[in-house]
Amino acid sequence: MKHIVFEYRDKYCRDGKFHEQECIVESVEQMIEIYGLNECEWNILDVEEIK
């Protein structure tokens, strides 16, 4: 599992600012699917492996 901290910016973000979010998922691909990141701009800020 991975603890991922990321930021995203979509059409609902005010003033074009990024919003920060974090999640625990099995993969980056799973994060993209769960949060619908194919529809917006996003950046990974930190990834930590969870044992």
Protein backbone atom coordinates (compact mmCIF):
# COMPACT_ATOMS: atom_id res chain seq x y z
CA MET A 1 0.00 0.00 0.00
CA LYS A 2 1.04 3.59 -0.57
CA HIS A 3 0.29 6.77 1.32
CA ILE A 4 0.19 9.44 -1.38
CA VAL A 5 -0.04 13.20 -0.94
CA PHE A 6 -1.04 15.01 -4.11
CA GLU A 7 -2.46 18.28 -5.35
CA TYR A 8 -5.05 18.78 -8.05
CA ARG A 9 -6.69 21.62 -9.91
CA ASP A 10 -9.99 21.18 -11.74
CA LYS A 11 -12.82 23.38 -12.97
CA TYR A 12 -14.26 23.60 -9.45
CA CYS A 13 -11.09 25.02 -7.84
CA ARG A 14 -11.45 28.70 -7.01
CA ASP A 15 -8.99 31.17 -8.48
CA GLY A 16 -7.12 28.35 -10.24
CA LYS A 17 -5.46 27.25 -7.00
CA PHE A 18 -4.42 23.67 -6.34
CA HIS A 19 -6.11 21.69 -3.56
CA GLU A 20 -4.07 19.22 -1.52
CA GLN A 21 -5.37 15.71 -0.84
CA GLU A 22 -3.97 12.49 0.55
CA CYS A 23 -4.98 8.86 0.27
CA ILE A 24 -3.92 5.29 0.95
CA VAL A 25 -4.14 3.12 -2.14
CA GLU A 26 -2.43 0.15 -3.77
CA SER A 27 -1.05 2.14 -6.72
CA VAL A 28 -0.88 5.53 -8.41
CA GLU A 29 -3.18 4.16 -11.11
CA GLN A 30 -5.79 3.35 -8.46
CA MET A 31 -5.50 6.90 -7.07
CA ILE A 32 -6.05 8.36 -10.55
CA GLU A 33 -9.15 6.22 -11.04
CA ILE A 34 -10.68 6.84 -7.60
CA TYR A 35 -10.21 10.62 -7.68
CA GLY A 36 -10.95 11.10 -11.39
CA LEU A 37 -7.59 12.72 -12.02
CA ASN A 38 -7.79 12.03 -15.76
CA GLU A 39 -10.11 15.05 -15.85
CA CYS A 40 -7.77 17.60 -14.25
CA GLU A 41 -4.22 18.78 -13.64
CA TRP A 42 -2.43 17.08 -10.73
CA ASN A 43 0.99 16.55 -9.12
CA ILE A 44 2.26 13.99 -6.64
CA LEU A 45 3.88 15.70 -3.64
CA ASP A 46 4.93 12.66 -1.59
CA VAL A 47 4.71 8.85 -1.70
CA GLU A 48 5.38 6.63 1.28
CA GLU A 49 5.33 2.83 1.21
CA ILE A 50 3.17 1.32 3.96
CA LYS A 51 4.14 -2.15 5.14
